[in-house]
Amino acid sequence: MSTDRELLELAAKAINGIYDSGTGCISLDGGIDYEQWEPLDDAGDAFRLAAALQFSVDFENGSVWGAGDLDMTRLGKVSVEQPCFRRAIVEAAAEIGRSMP
């Protein structure tokens, strides 16, 4: 299991970014920097991450889906009783980052 810091670093990598855990900032290709990038705690940051990766978030069924192929690969499923879509999005993004060289 990854720590939150590792998840954020891998999620940033998935969108060609670099996460600085010391400052909480993310630097993206093209020099766009965001201060206090907190997709685990901030819904706006999480959904911008989902949009950047073309994820689909299904609130009714508690799932995060990838749009990279026709069969919509399910990337993560969260409990409908206590949904935490921010974490599901970050974990799904981290899996993409983990698979990158």
N, C-alpha and C. Protein backbone atom coordinates (compact mmCIF):
# COMPACT_ATOMS: atom_id res chain seq x y z
N MET A 1 0.84 -1.18 0.00
CA MET A 1 0.00 0.00 0.00
C MET A 1 0.88 1.24 0.00
N SER A 2 0.52 2.20 -0.79
CA SER A 2 1.28 3.43 -0.92
C SER A 2 0.85 4.45 0.13
N THR A 3 1.80 5.31 0.49
CA THR A 3 1.47 6.43 1.37
C THR A 3 0.77 7.50 0.54
N ASP A 4 0.13 8.45 1.22
CA ASP A 4 -0.51 9.54 0.50
C ASP A 4 0.51 10.30 -0.34
N ARG A 5 1.69 10.51 0.20
CA ARG A 5 2.74 11.23 -0.54
C ARG A 5 3.09 10.48 -1.83
N GLU A 6 3.26 9.16 -1.73
CA GLU A 6 3.58 8.36 -2.92
C GLU A 6 2.43 8.42 -3.94
N LEU A 7 1.18 8.36 -3.45
CA LEU A 7 0.04 8.45 -4.35
C LEU A 7 0.04 9.77 -5.11
N LEU A 8 0.32 10.86 -4.40
CA LEU A 8 0.33 12.18 -5.04
C LEU A 8 1.47 12.29 -6.05
N GLU A 9 2.63 11.74 -5.71
CA GLU A 9 3.76 11.77 -6.65
C GLU A 9 3.44 10.99 -7.92
N LEU A 10 2.84 9.82 -7.76
CA LEU A 10 2.49 9.00 -8.93
C LEU A 10 1.35 9.61 -9.73
N ALA A 11 0.36 10.20 -9.04
CA ALA A 11 -0.74 10.85 -9.75
C ALA A 11 -0.21 12.03 -10.56
N ALA A 12 0.71 12.79 -9.99
CA ALA A 12 1.32 13.91 -10.73
C ALA A 12 2.06 13.40 -11.95
N LYS A 13 2.77 12.30 -11.78
CA LYS A 13 3.50 11.71 -12.90
C LYS A 13 2.55 11.32 -14.03
N ALA A 14 1.35 10.84 -13.67
CA ALA A 14 0.37 10.42 -14.68
C ALA A 14 -0.04 11.57 -15.59
N ILE A 15 0.04 12.80 -15.10
CA ILE A 15 -0.32 13.96 -15.92
C ILE A 15 0.94 14.75 -16.30
N ASN A 16 2.06 14.04 -16.33
CA ASN A 16 3.34 14.64 -16.71
C ASN A 16 3.73 15.80 -15.80
N GLY A 17 3.45 15.63 -14.53
CA GLY A 17 3.79 16.64 -13.55
C GLY A 17 4.78 16.12 -12.53
N ILE A 18 5.26 17.03 -11.72
CA ILE A 18 6.17 16.70 -10.63
C ILE A 18 5.57 17.29 -9.36
N TYR A 19 5.35 16.43 -8.37
CA TYR A 19 4.79 16.86 -7.10
C TYR A 19 5.91 17.08 -6.11
N ASP A 20 5.93 18.22 -5.46
CA ASP A 20 6.93 18.54 -4.43
C ASP A 20 6.24 18.43 -3.09
N SER A 21 6.51 17.34 -2.38
CA SER A 21 5.84 17.11 -1.10
C SER A 21 6.24 18.14 -0.05
N GLY A 22 7.39 18.76 -0.21
CA GLY A 22 7.82 19.77 0.75
C GLY A 22 6.97 21.03 0.70
N THR A 23 6.56 21.41 -0.49
CA THR A 23 5.77 22.63 -0.65
C THR A 23 4.31 22.36 -0.95
N GLY A 24 3.99 21.14 -1.37
CA GLY A 24 2.62 20.81 -1.75
C GLY A 24 2.26 21.31 -3.13
N CYS A 25 3.26 21.72 -3.90
CA CYS A 25 3.02 22.27 -5.25
C CYS A 25 3.21 21.18 -6.30
N ILE A 26 2.59 21.41 -7.45
CA ILE A 26 2.79 20.54 -8.60
C ILE A 26 3.24 21.41 -9.77
N SER A 27 4.25 20.93 -10.47
CA SER A 27 4.72 21.59 -11.69
C SER A 27 4.35 20.71 -12.85
N LEU A 28 3.70 21.29 -13.84
CA LEU A 28 3.26 20.55 -15.02
C LEU A 28 4.08 20.96 -16.22
N ASP A 29 4.09 20.11 -17.24
CA ASP A 29 4.74 20.48 -18.50
C ASP A 29 4.19 21.81 -18.96
N GLY A 30 5.05 22.61 -19.50
CA GLY A 30 4.63 23.92 -19.95
C GLY A 30 4.79 24.98 -18.88
N GLY A 31 5.30 24.58 -17.70
CA GLY A 31 5.60 25.54 -16.66
C GLY A 31 4.40 26.01 -15.86
N ILE A 32 3.28 25.30 -15.93
CA ILE A 32 2.11 25.69 -15.14
C ILE A 32 2.27 25.10 -13.75
N ASP A 33 2.27 25.94 -12.76
CA ASP A 33 2.44 25.49 -11.37
C ASP A 33 1.18 25.76 -10.57
N TYR A 34 0.84 24.82 -9.72
CA TYR A 34 -0.28 24.98 -8.81
C TYR A 34 0.26 24.87 -7.40
N GLU A 35 -0.07 25.86 -6.58
CA GLU A 35 0.33 25.79 -5.18
C GLU A 35 -0.72 25.02 -4.41
N GLN A 36 -0.26 24.27 -3.43
CA GLN A 36 -1.15 23.50 -2.57
C GLN A 36 -2.08 22.59 -3.36
N TRP A 37 -1.48 21.74 -4.20
CA TRP A 37 -2.23 20.75 -4.97
C TRP A 37 -2.62 19.64 -4.01
N GLU A 38 -3.91 19.50 -3.72
CA GLU A 38 -4.39 18.56 -2.71
C GLU A 38 -5.58 17.75 -3.21
N PRO A 39 -5.39 16.92 -4.23
CA PRO A 39 -6.54 16.18 -4.76
C PRO A 39 -7.12 15.15 -3.79
N LEU A 40 -6.41 14.80 -2.74
CA LEU A 40 -6.98 13.89 -1.75
C LEU A 40 -7.96 14.62 -0.83
N ASP A 41 -7.80 15.94 -0.71
CA ASP A 41 -8.63 16.72 0.20
C ASP A 41 -9.50 17.76 -0.50
N ASP A 42 -9.13 18.13 -1.71
CA ASP A 42 -9.83 19.20 -2.42
C ASP A 42 -10.53 18.62 -3.65
N ALA A 43 -11.86 18.71 -3.66
CA ALA A 43 -12.63 18.12 -4.76
C ALA A 43 -12.28 18.77 -6.09
N GLY A 44 -12.04 20.07 -6.10
CA GLY A 44 -11.67 20.75 -7.35
C GLY A 44 -10.39 20.19 -7.94
N ASP A 45 -9.37 20.01 -7.09
CA ASP A 45 -8.11 19.43 -7.56
C ASP A 45 -8.32 18.00 -8.06
N ALA A 46 -9.13 17.23 -7.33
CA ALA A 46 -9.37 15.84 -7.72
C ALA A 46 -10.09 15.76 -9.07
N PHE A 47 -11.09 16.60 -9.26
CA PHE A 47 -11.84 16.53 -10.51
C PHE A 47 -11.06 17.12 -11.69
N ARG A 48 -10.16 18.08 -11.42
CA ARG A 48 -9.27 18.55 -12.49
C ARG A 48 -8.31 17.43 -12.90
N LEU A 49 -7.85 16.64 -11.92
CA LEU A 49 -7.01 15.49 -12.21
C LEU A 49 -7.79 14.48 -13.04
N ALA A 50 -9.02 14.20 -12.64
CA ALA A 50 -9.86 13.25 -13.39
C ALA A 50 -10.08 13.73 -14.82
N ALA A 51 -10.32 15.03 -14.99
CA ALA A 51 -10.54 15.58 -16.33
C ALA A 51 -9.27 15.48 -17.17
N ALA A 52 -8.13 15.75 -16.56
CA ALA A 52 -6.86 15.68 -17.30
C ALA A 52 -6.59 14.27 -17.82
N LEU A 53 -7.05 13.28 -17.08
CA LEU A 53 -6.84 11.87 -17.47
C LEU A 53 -8.05 11.28 -18.17
N GLN A 54 -9.05 12.09 -18.45
CA GLN A 54 -10.27 11.67 -19.12
C GLN A 54 -10.97 10.53 -18.38
N PHE A 55 -11.03 10.67 -17.05
CA PHE A 55 -11.76 9.70 -16.24
C PHE A 55 -13.23 10.07 -16.24
N SER A 56 -14.05 9.09 -16.02
CA SER A 56 -15.47 9.29 -15.80
C SER A 56 -15.76 8.84 -14.38
N VAL A 57 -16.45 9.67 -13.62
CA VAL A 57 -16.77 9.32 -12.24
C VAL A 57 -18.26 9.05 -12.16
N ASP A 58 -18.60 7.86 -11.72
CA ASP A 58 -20.00 7.42 -11.64
C ASP A 58 -20.44 7.48 -10.18
N PHE A 59 -21.12 8.56 -9.81
CA PHE A 59 -21.54 8.72 -8.42
C PHE A 59 -22.59 7.69 -8.02
N GLU A 60 -23.44 7.31 -8.95
CA GLU A 60 -24.51 6.38 -8.62
C GLU A 60 -23.96 5.00 -8.26
N ASN A 61 -22.96 4.55 -8.99
CA ASN A 61 -22.41 3.22 -8.74
C ASN A 61 -21.10 3.23 -7.99
N GLY A 62 -20.61 4.42 -7.63
CA GLY A 62 -19.39 4.53 -6.84
C GLY A 62 -18.15 4.04 -7.56
N SER A 63 -17.98 4.42 -8.81
CA SER A 63 -16.84 3.94 -9.58
C SER A 63 -16.13 5.07 -10.31
N VAL A 64 -14.86 4.82 -10.60
CA VAL A 64 -14.07 5.70 -11.46
C VAL A 64 -13.70 4.87 -12.67
N TRP A 65 -13.96 5.41 -13.86
CA TRP A 65 -13.73 4.69 -15.11
C TRP A 65 -12.74 5.44 -15.97
N GLY A 66 -11.95 4.70 -16.74
CA GLY A 66 -11.03 5.31 -17.68
C GLY A 66 -11.67 5.40 -19.05
N ALA A 67 -11.39 6.47 -19.76
CA ALA A 67 -11.98 6.66 -21.08
C ALA A 67 -11.00 6.33 -22.19
N GLY A 68 -9.93 5.63 -21.87
CA GLY A 68 -8.89 5.37 -22.85
C GLY A 68 -9.24 4.32 -23.88
N ASP A 69 -10.27 3.54 -23.64
CA ASP A 69 -10.64 2.52 -24.61
C ASP A 69 -12.16 2.35 -24.64
N LEU A 70 -12.63 1.58 -25.58
CA LEU A 70 -14.07 1.46 -25.77
C LEU A 70 -14.79 0.73 -24.65
N ASP A 71 -14.10 -0.17 -23.96
CA ASP A 71 -14.81 -0.92 -22.92
C ASP A 71 -14.79 -0.21 -21.56
N MET A 72 -14.28 1.02 -21.52
CA MET A 72 -14.30 1.82 -20.29
C MET A 72 -13.77 1.02 -19.09
N THR A 73 -12.51 0.78 -19.08
CA THR A 73 -11.86 0.02 -18.02
C THR A 73 -12.15 0.66 -16.66
N ARG A 74 -12.64 -0.15 -15.73
CA ARG A 74 -12.89 0.38 -14.39
C ARG A 74 -11.56 0.51 -13.68
N LEU A 75 -11.27 1.72 -13.19
CA LEU A 75 -10.01 2.00 -12.53
C LEU A 75 -10.10 1.87 -11.02
N GLY A 76 -11.25 2.10 -10.48
CA GLY A 76 -11.40 2.02 -9.04
C GLY A 76 -12.86 1.99 -8.65
N LYS A 77 -13.16 1.39 -7.54
CA LYS A 77 -14.53 1.36 -7.03
C LYS A 77 -14.47 1.75 -5.57
N VAL A 78 -15.37 2.60 -5.17
CA VAL A 78 -15.41 3.05 -3.79
C VAL A 78 -16.75 2.67 -3.18
N SER A 79 -16.78 2.62 -1.88
CA SER A 79 -18.00 2.26 -1.17
C SER A 79 -19.09 3.30 -1.42
N VAL A 80 -20.27 2.84 -1.76
CA VAL A 80 -21.39 3.75 -1.98
C VAL A 80 -21.84 4.33 -0.64
N GLU A 81 -21.69 3.57 0.45
CA GLU A 81 -22.10 4.06 1.76
C GLU A 81 -21.26 5.23 2.21
N GLN A 82 -19.95 5.18 1.97
CA GLN A 82 -19.05 6.26 2.35
C GLN A 82 -18.14 6.57 1.17
N PRO A 83 -18.68 7.21 0.16
CA PRO A 83 -17.86 7.45 -1.03
C PRO A 83 -16.72 8.42 -0.76
N CYS A 84 -15.60 8.12 -1.32
CA CYS A 84 -14.46 9.02 -1.26
C CYS A 84 -13.89 9.08 -2.66
N PHE A 85 -14.57 9.80 -3.51
CA PHE A 85 -14.18 9.86 -4.91
C PHE A 85 -12.82 10.51 -5.11
N ARG A 86 -12.48 11.44 -4.24
CA ARG A 86 -11.16 12.07 -4.36
C ARG A 86 -10.07 11.00 -4.28
N ARG A 87 -10.15 10.15 -3.29
CA ARG A 87 -9.13 9.10 -3.12
C ARG A 87 -9.17 8.11 -4.28
N ALA A 88 -10.35 7.75 -4.74
CA ALA A 88 -10.45 6.81 -5.86
C ALA A 88 -9.80 7.40 -7.11
N ILE A 89 -10.02 8.69 -7.35
CA ILE A 89 -9.41 9.34 -8.51
C ILE A 89 -7.90 9.35 -8.38
N VAL A 90 -7.40 9.73 -7.21
CA VAL A 90 -5.94 9.78 -7.00
C VAL A 90 -5.33 8.38 -7.12
N GLU A 91 -5.98 7.38 -6.54
CA GLU A 91 -5.45 6.01 -6.63
C GLU A 91 -5.44 5.52 -8.07
N ALA A 92 -6.48 5.84 -8.83
CA ALA A 92 -6.52 5.43 -10.23
C ALA A 92 -5.43 6.14 -11.02
N ALA A 93 -5.25 7.43 -10.76
CA ALA A 93 -4.18 8.18 -11.44
C ALA A 93 -2.81 7.64 -11.05
N ALA A 94 -2.65 7.27 -9.78
CA ALA A 94 -1.38 6.71 -9.32
C ALA A 94 -1.05 5.40 -10.03
N GLU A 95 -2.07 4.59 -10.31
CA GLU A 95 -1.83 3.35 -11.04
C GLU A 95 -1.30 3.64 -12.45
N ILE A 96 -1.82 4.69 -13.06
CA ILE A 96 -1.31 5.08 -14.39
C ILE A 96 0.13 5.54 -14.24
N GLY A 97 0.41 6.40 -13.25
CA GLY A 97 1.76 6.88 -13.02
C GLY A 97 2.73 5.75 -12.72
N ARG A 98 2.26 4.76 -11.97
CA ARG A 98 3.12 3.61 -11.62
C ARG A 98 3.51 2.81 -12.86
N SER A 99 2.65 2.79 -13.87
CA SER A 99 2.92 2.01 -15.06
C SER A 99 3.79 2.76 -16.07
N MET A 100 4.04 4.03 -15.80
CA MET A 100 4.86 4.83 -16.72
C MET A 100 6.34 4.67 -16.41
N PRO A 101 7.19 4.77 -17.46
CA PRO A 101 8.64 4.64 -17.21
C PRO A 101 9.18 5.82 -16.43
